[in-house]
Amino acid sequence: RPAHAAAILGQVNAEDLRKLEAAGTKSAVSAGCVLIERGQYGSGLYVILEGTVVVEAPEGERELGPTTIVGERALLSEDGIRTARVRAATDVSVLAVDRLDFEQLCADDPALADRIQSQATLT
């Protein structure tokens, strides 16, 4: 992992980052590809490591880059449905964490979901 990885998640502490990295898979996504489709069941979350994504949500469109998490809302909601479409605006590097692994991390550390949600709402 790169030395700057501790800064990836902003408000999420280094221990949380270590847990997500252990559970996740680093992937490259080409510009224009859709990572998340609105209305679909949320199968996981992504930590943006490099590049820029565009989030198309009912409240508007915005660009997000490194240090942001996308897809957490569906994992933390009761119905598990995606509320936004997320596509790669540039080539991006992401850390993908699937739902079951995230749920296990939260079962092991119940405050993790609160910390992820707090960080995500700051972005």
N, C-alpha and C. Protein backbone atom coordinates (compact mmCIF):
# COMPACT_ATOMS: atom_id res chain seq x y z
N ARG A 1 0.85 -1.19 0.00
CA ARG A 1 0.00 0.00 0.00
C ARG A 1 0.89 1.25 0.00
N PRO A 2 0.43 2.31 -0.66
CA PRO A 2 1.25 3.53 -0.69
C PRO A 2 1.33 4.18 0.69
N ALA A 3 2.41 4.89 0.91
CA ALA A 3 2.62 5.54 2.20
C ALA A 3 1.54 6.56 2.50
N HIS A 4 0.96 7.17 1.46
CA HIS A 4 -0.07 8.20 1.67
C HIS A 4 -1.44 7.60 1.92
N ALA A 5 -1.55 6.28 2.00
CA ALA A 5 -2.86 5.63 2.15
C ALA A 5 -3.60 6.09 3.40
N ALA A 6 -2.90 6.44 4.46
CA ALA A 6 -3.57 6.87 5.69
C ALA A 6 -4.41 8.12 5.46
N ALA A 7 -4.08 8.90 4.45
CA ALA A 7 -4.84 10.13 4.17
C ALA A 7 -6.05 9.87 3.28
N ILE A 8 -6.17 8.67 2.72
CA ILE A 8 -7.20 8.38 1.74
C ILE A 8 -8.60 8.69 2.25
N LEU A 9 -8.89 8.31 3.48
CA LEU A 9 -10.26 8.42 3.96
C LEU A 9 -10.53 9.67 4.79
N GLY A 10 -9.67 10.64 4.75
CA GLY A 10 -9.95 11.89 5.45
C GLY A 10 -10.21 11.67 6.92
N GLN A 11 -11.48 11.80 7.34
CA GLN A 11 -11.85 11.72 8.74
C GLN A 11 -11.82 10.30 9.30
N VAL A 12 -11.77 9.30 8.45
CA VAL A 12 -11.73 7.92 8.94
C VAL A 12 -10.30 7.63 9.37
N ASN A 13 -10.17 7.04 10.55
CA ASN A 13 -8.83 6.85 11.11
C ASN A 13 -8.04 5.75 10.40
N ALA A 14 -6.76 5.69 10.68
CA ALA A 14 -5.87 4.75 10.01
C ALA A 14 -6.29 3.30 10.25
N GLU A 15 -6.82 3.00 11.42
CA GLU A 15 -7.28 1.64 11.71
C GLU A 15 -8.46 1.27 10.82
N ASP A 16 -9.40 2.20 10.62
CA ASP A 16 -10.53 1.94 9.72
C ASP A 16 -10.04 1.71 8.29
N LEU A 17 -9.09 2.51 7.87
CA LEU A 17 -8.52 2.34 6.53
C LEU A 17 -7.90 0.96 6.40
N ARG A 18 -7.16 0.53 7.40
CA ARG A 18 -6.54 -0.79 7.37
C ARG A 18 -7.60 -1.87 7.24
N LYS A 19 -8.69 -1.74 7.98
CA LYS A 19 -9.77 -2.73 7.91
C LYS A 19 -10.40 -2.76 6.52
N LEU A 20 -10.67 -1.59 5.95
CA LEU A 20 -11.26 -1.54 4.61
C LEU A 20 -10.31 -2.10 3.56
N GLU A 21 -9.03 -1.78 3.68
CA GLU A 21 -8.05 -2.30 2.73
C GLU A 21 -7.95 -3.82 2.81
N ALA A 22 -8.01 -4.37 4.04
CA ALA A 22 -7.92 -5.82 4.21
C ALA A 22 -9.15 -6.51 3.61
N ALA A 23 -10.29 -5.85 3.67
CA ALA A 23 -11.53 -6.45 3.16
C ALA A 23 -11.76 -6.17 1.69
N GLY A 24 -11.14 -5.12 1.17
CA GLY A 24 -11.44 -4.66 -0.18
C GLY A 24 -10.46 -5.13 -1.23
N THR A 25 -10.77 -4.75 -2.45
CA THR A 25 -9.96 -5.07 -3.62
C THR A 25 -9.72 -3.80 -4.40
N LYS A 26 -8.47 -3.54 -4.72
CA LYS A 26 -8.15 -2.36 -5.53
C LYS A 26 -8.43 -2.68 -6.99
N SER A 27 -9.11 -1.75 -7.66
CA SER A 27 -9.48 -1.94 -9.06
C SER A 27 -9.28 -0.65 -9.83
N ALA A 28 -9.08 -0.81 -11.13
CA ALA A 28 -9.01 0.34 -12.04
C ALA A 28 -10.32 0.38 -12.83
N VAL A 29 -10.87 1.59 -12.98
CA VAL A 29 -12.12 1.78 -13.72
C VAL A 29 -11.86 2.85 -14.78
N SER A 30 -12.23 2.55 -16.01
CA SER A 30 -12.01 3.47 -17.12
C SER A 30 -13.01 4.62 -17.11
N ALA A 31 -12.57 5.77 -17.61
CA ALA A 31 -13.44 6.94 -17.73
C ALA A 31 -14.70 6.56 -18.49
N GLY A 32 -15.85 7.03 -17.98
CA GLY A 32 -17.13 6.77 -18.61
C GLY A 32 -17.87 5.56 -18.06
N CYS A 33 -17.16 4.66 -17.39
CA CYS A 33 -17.81 3.46 -16.84
C CYS A 33 -18.65 3.82 -15.61
N VAL A 34 -19.78 3.14 -15.46
CA VAL A 34 -20.67 3.35 -14.32
C VAL A 34 -20.26 2.40 -13.20
N LEU A 35 -20.00 2.97 -12.01
CA LEU A 35 -19.68 2.16 -10.84
C LEU A 35 -20.95 1.79 -10.09
N ILE A 36 -21.91 2.71 -10.04
CA ILE A 36 -23.14 2.53 -9.27
C ILE A 36 -24.30 3.05 -10.11
N GLU A 37 -25.38 2.26 -10.16
CA GLU A 37 -26.57 2.67 -10.90
C GLU A 37 -27.71 2.92 -9.93
N ARG A 38 -28.33 4.09 -10.03
CA ARG A 38 -29.45 4.46 -9.15
C ARG A 38 -30.59 3.45 -9.28
N GLY A 39 -31.19 3.11 -8.13
CA GLY A 39 -32.31 2.20 -8.11
C GLY A 39 -31.93 0.74 -7.95
N GLN A 40 -30.65 0.42 -8.11
CA GLN A 40 -30.18 -0.95 -7.95
C GLN A 40 -29.91 -1.25 -6.48
N TYR A 41 -29.89 -2.52 -6.14
CA TYR A 41 -29.52 -2.94 -4.79
C TYR A 41 -28.03 -2.70 -4.59
N GLY A 42 -27.66 -2.12 -3.45
CA GLY A 42 -26.26 -1.80 -3.18
C GLY A 42 -25.45 -3.03 -2.79
N SER A 43 -24.49 -3.38 -3.62
CA SER A 43 -23.69 -4.57 -3.37
C SER A 43 -22.36 -4.26 -2.70
N GLY A 44 -22.02 -2.98 -2.56
CA GLY A 44 -20.76 -2.62 -1.93
C GLY A 44 -20.53 -1.13 -1.98
N LEU A 45 -19.38 -0.72 -1.45
CA LEU A 45 -18.99 0.68 -1.51
C LEU A 45 -17.63 0.79 -2.16
N TYR A 46 -17.29 2.01 -2.55
CA TYR A 46 -15.99 2.29 -3.17
C TYR A 46 -15.32 3.45 -2.46
N VAL A 47 -14.04 3.30 -2.24
CA VAL A 47 -13.20 4.41 -1.79
C VAL A 47 -12.45 4.87 -3.04
N ILE A 48 -12.61 6.15 -3.39
CA ILE A 48 -11.90 6.69 -4.55
C ILE A 48 -10.46 6.95 -4.13
N LEU A 49 -9.52 6.28 -4.78
CA LEU A 49 -8.11 6.44 -4.46
C LEU A 49 -7.42 7.47 -5.36
N GLU A 50 -7.77 7.40 -6.66
CA GLU A 50 -7.20 8.32 -7.65
C GLU A 50 -8.27 8.60 -8.70
N GLY A 51 -8.24 9.81 -9.26
CA GLY A 51 -9.18 10.15 -10.31
C GLY A 51 -10.43 10.84 -9.78
N THR A 52 -11.41 11.01 -10.67
CA THR A 52 -12.63 11.75 -10.35
C THR A 52 -13.85 10.97 -10.81
N VAL A 53 -14.89 10.96 -9.97
CA VAL A 53 -16.18 10.38 -10.34
C VAL A 53 -17.22 11.48 -10.32
N VAL A 54 -18.32 11.26 -11.06
CA VAL A 54 -19.46 12.16 -11.05
C VAL A 54 -20.61 11.44 -10.38
N VAL A 55 -21.18 12.09 -9.36
CA VAL A 55 -22.34 11.55 -8.66
C VAL A 55 -23.56 12.29 -9.17
N GLU A 56 -24.51 11.54 -9.76
CA GLU A 56 -25.76 12.11 -10.27
C GLU A 56 -26.86 11.67 -9.32
N ALA A 57 -27.26 12.58 -8.43
CA ALA A 57 -28.26 12.29 -7.40
C ALA A 57 -29.45 13.21 -7.57
N PRO A 58 -30.58 12.88 -6.93
CA PRO A 58 -31.76 13.75 -7.03
C PRO A 58 -31.48 15.19 -6.60
N GLU A 59 -30.57 15.37 -5.65
CA GLU A 59 -30.27 16.72 -5.18
C GLU A 59 -29.27 17.47 -6.06
N GLY A 60 -28.79 16.81 -7.12
CA GLY A 60 -27.88 17.48 -8.03
C GLY A 60 -26.71 16.60 -8.41
N GLU A 61 -25.83 17.17 -9.21
CA GLU A 61 -24.66 16.46 -9.71
C GLU A 61 -23.41 17.09 -9.10
N ARG A 62 -22.45 16.24 -8.72
CA ARG A 62 -21.19 16.77 -8.21
C ARG A 62 -20.06 15.82 -8.51
N GLU A 63 -18.87 16.39 -8.56
CA GLU A 63 -17.66 15.60 -8.81
C GLU A 63 -16.97 15.33 -7.48
N LEU A 64 -16.48 14.12 -7.34
CA LEU A 64 -15.74 13.73 -6.15
C LEU A 64 -14.43 13.09 -6.58
N GLY A 65 -13.41 13.29 -5.75
CA GLY A 65 -12.11 12.72 -6.06
C GLY A 65 -11.55 11.94 -4.89
N PRO A 66 -10.22 11.82 -4.86
CA PRO A 66 -9.58 11.05 -3.81
C PRO A 66 -10.02 11.51 -2.41
N THR A 67 -10.06 10.56 -1.52
CA THR A 67 -10.48 10.71 -0.12
C THR A 67 -11.97 10.59 0.07
N THR A 68 -12.73 10.24 -0.98
CA THR A 68 -14.18 10.13 -0.81
C THR A 68 -14.65 8.69 -0.94
N ILE A 69 -15.77 8.44 -0.30
CA ILE A 69 -16.42 7.13 -0.33
C ILE A 69 -17.75 7.30 -1.06
N VAL A 70 -18.05 6.37 -1.97
CA VAL A 70 -19.35 6.37 -2.64
C VAL A 70 -19.98 5.00 -2.47
N GLY A 71 -21.30 4.99 -2.40
CA GLY A 71 -22.02 3.74 -2.28
C GLY A 71 -22.37 3.34 -0.87
N GLU A 72 -21.94 4.13 0.11
CA GLU A 72 -22.18 3.78 1.51
C GLU A 72 -23.64 3.95 1.91
N ARG A 73 -24.34 4.89 1.27
CA ARG A 73 -25.74 5.14 1.66
C ARG A 73 -26.59 3.89 1.54
N ALA A 74 -26.46 3.17 0.44
CA ALA A 74 -27.27 1.97 0.25
C ALA A 74 -26.91 0.89 1.28
N LEU A 75 -25.66 0.84 1.68
CA LEU A 75 -25.25 -0.17 2.66
C LEU A 75 -25.74 0.18 4.06
N LEU A 76 -25.96 1.46 4.31
CA LEU A 76 -26.37 1.91 5.63
C LEU A 76 -27.88 2.18 5.72
N SER A 77 -28.58 2.06 4.58
CA SER A 77 -30.03 2.32 4.58
C SER A 77 -30.80 1.03 4.83
N GLU A 78 -32.06 1.18 5.21
CA GLU A 78 -32.89 0.01 5.49
C GLU A 78 -33.23 -0.77 4.23
N ASP A 79 -33.51 -0.07 3.11
CA ASP A 79 -33.92 -0.79 1.91
C ASP A 79 -32.75 -1.24 1.04
N GLY A 80 -31.56 -0.67 1.25
CA GLY A 80 -30.38 -1.08 0.51
C GLY A 80 -30.35 -0.65 -0.94
N ILE A 81 -31.22 0.30 -1.32
CA ILE A 81 -31.31 0.72 -2.72
C ILE A 81 -30.41 1.94 -2.97
N ARG A 82 -29.74 1.93 -4.12
CA ARG A 82 -28.86 3.04 -4.52
C ARG A 82 -29.69 4.29 -4.77
N THR A 83 -29.22 5.44 -4.26
CA THR A 83 -29.93 6.70 -4.43
C THR A 83 -29.31 7.59 -5.50
N ALA A 84 -28.18 7.17 -6.06
CA ALA A 84 -27.49 7.99 -7.05
C ALA A 84 -26.80 7.10 -8.06
N ARG A 85 -26.49 7.70 -9.19
CA ARG A 85 -25.68 7.04 -10.22
C ARG A 85 -24.27 7.61 -10.08
N VAL A 86 -23.27 6.76 -10.13
CA VAL A 86 -21.88 7.21 -10.03
C VAL A 86 -21.12 6.65 -11.23
N ARG A 87 -20.48 7.55 -11.97
CA ARG A 87 -19.68 7.11 -13.11
C ARG A 87 -18.30 7.76 -13.03
N ALA A 88 -17.33 7.10 -13.63
CA ALA A 88 -15.96 7.60 -13.64
C ALA A 88 -15.86 8.74 -14.65
N ALA A 89 -15.48 9.93 -14.18
CA ALA A 89 -15.27 11.07 -15.07
C ALA A 89 -13.90 10.97 -15.74
N THR A 90 -12.96 10.40 -15.01
CA THR A 90 -11.60 10.14 -15.51
C THR A 90 -11.32 8.68 -15.21
N ASP A 91 -10.19 8.19 -15.66
CA ASP A 91 -9.77 6.87 -15.20
C ASP A 91 -9.61 6.98 -13.69
N VAL A 92 -10.14 6.00 -12.96
CA VAL A 92 -10.05 6.05 -11.50
C VAL A 92 -9.49 4.75 -10.94
N SER A 93 -8.89 4.88 -9.78
CA SER A 93 -8.46 3.74 -8.99
C SER A 93 -9.34 3.74 -7.76
N VAL A 94 -9.96 2.59 -7.47
CA VAL A 94 -10.88 2.49 -6.34
C VAL A 94 -10.51 1.30 -5.47
N LEU A 95 -10.95 1.38 -4.25
CA LEU A 95 -10.92 0.26 -3.33
C LEU A 95 -12.37 -0.20 -3.20
N ALA A 96 -12.68 -1.39 -3.69
CA ALA A 96 -14.05 -1.90 -3.65
C ALA A 96 -14.21 -2.83 -2.45
N VAL A 97 -15.24 -2.55 -1.64
CA VAL A 97 -15.55 -3.38 -0.47
C VAL A 97 -16.98 -3.87 -0.62
N ASP A 98 -17.18 -5.19 -0.70
CA ASP A 98 -18.54 -5.68 -0.92
C ASP A 98 -19.37 -5.64 0.36
N ARG A 99 -20.68 -5.73 0.17
CA ARG A 99 -21.65 -5.58 1.27
C ARG A 99 -21.36 -6.55 2.42
N LEU A 100 -21.18 -7.82 2.12
CA LEU A 100 -20.98 -8.80 3.18
C LEU A 100 -19.72 -8.51 3.99
N ASP A 101 -18.65 -8.12 3.31
CA ASP A 101 -17.42 -7.78 4.02
C ASP A 101 -17.62 -6.53 4.87
N PHE A 102 -18.34 -5.53 4.33
CA PHE A 102 -18.60 -4.31 5.08
C PHE A 102 -19.46 -4.61 6.31
N GLU A 103 -20.49 -5.45 6.12
CA GLU A 103 -21.35 -5.81 7.24
C GLU A 103 -20.57 -6.54 8.32
N GLN A 104 -19.63 -7.40 7.92
CA GLN A 104 -18.80 -8.11 8.90
C GLN A 104 -17.90 -7.12 9.65
N LEU A 105 -17.32 -6.16 8.91
CA LEU A 105 -16.50 -5.14 9.57
C LEU A 105 -17.33 -4.36 10.59
N CYS A 106 -18.57 -4.03 10.24
CA CYS A 106 -19.44 -3.29 11.15
C CYS A 106 -19.88 -4.14 12.34
N ALA A 107 -20.05 -5.44 12.12
CA ALA A 107 -20.40 -6.33 13.23
C ALA A 107 -19.23 -6.42 14.21
N ASP A 108 -18.01 -6.44 13.68
CA ASP A 108 -16.82 -6.49 14.53
C ASP A 108 -16.55 -5.16 15.22
N ASP A 109 -16.96 -4.07 14.59
CA ASP A 109 -16.74 -2.72 15.13
C ASP A 109 -17.99 -1.88 14.82
N PRO A 110 -19.02 -1.96 15.70
CA PRO A 110 -20.29 -1.29 15.43
C PRO A 110 -20.18 0.22 15.15
N ALA A 111 -19.17 0.88 15.66
CA ALA A 111 -19.03 2.32 15.43
C ALA A 111 -18.47 2.63 14.04
N LEU A 112 -17.99 1.63 13.32
CA LEU A 112 -17.41 1.86 12.00
C LEU A 112 -18.43 2.50 11.05
N ALA A 113 -19.66 1.99 11.04
CA ALA A 113 -20.69 2.55 10.15
C ALA A 113 -20.92 4.03 10.45
N ASP A 114 -20.94 4.39 11.73
CA ASP A 114 -21.13 5.80 12.10
C ASP A 114 -19.97 6.66 11.60
N ARG A 115 -18.76 6.14 11.74
CA ARG A 115 -17.59 6.90 11.28
C ARG A 115 -17.59 7.05 9.76
N ILE A 116 -17.94 5.99 9.04
CA ILE A 116 -18.01 6.05 7.57
C ILE A 116 -19.09 7.05 7.15
N GLN A 117 -20.26 6.95 7.78
CA GLN A 117 -21.37 7.85 7.44
C GLN A 117 -20.99 9.29 7.74
N SER A 118 -20.33 9.55 8.84
CA SER A 118 -19.92 10.92 9.19
C SER A 118 -18.95 11.46 8.16
N GLN A 119 -17.97 10.67 7.77
CA GLN A 119 -16.99 11.11 6.79
C GLN A 119 -17.66 11.34 5.44
N ALA A 120 -18.55 10.44 5.07
CA ALA A 120 -19.19 10.52 3.75
C ALA A 120 -20.07 11.76 3.65
N THR A 121 -20.73 12.15 4.72
CA THR A 121 -21.60 13.32 4.65
C THR A 121 -20.81 14.61 4.62
N LEU A 122 -19.53 14.55 4.94
CA LEU A 122 -18.68 15.74 4.86
C LEU A 122 -18.24 16.02 3.43
N THR A 123 -18.36 15.04 2.54
CA THR A 123 -17.84 15.19 1.19
C THR A 123 -18.89 15.72 0.24
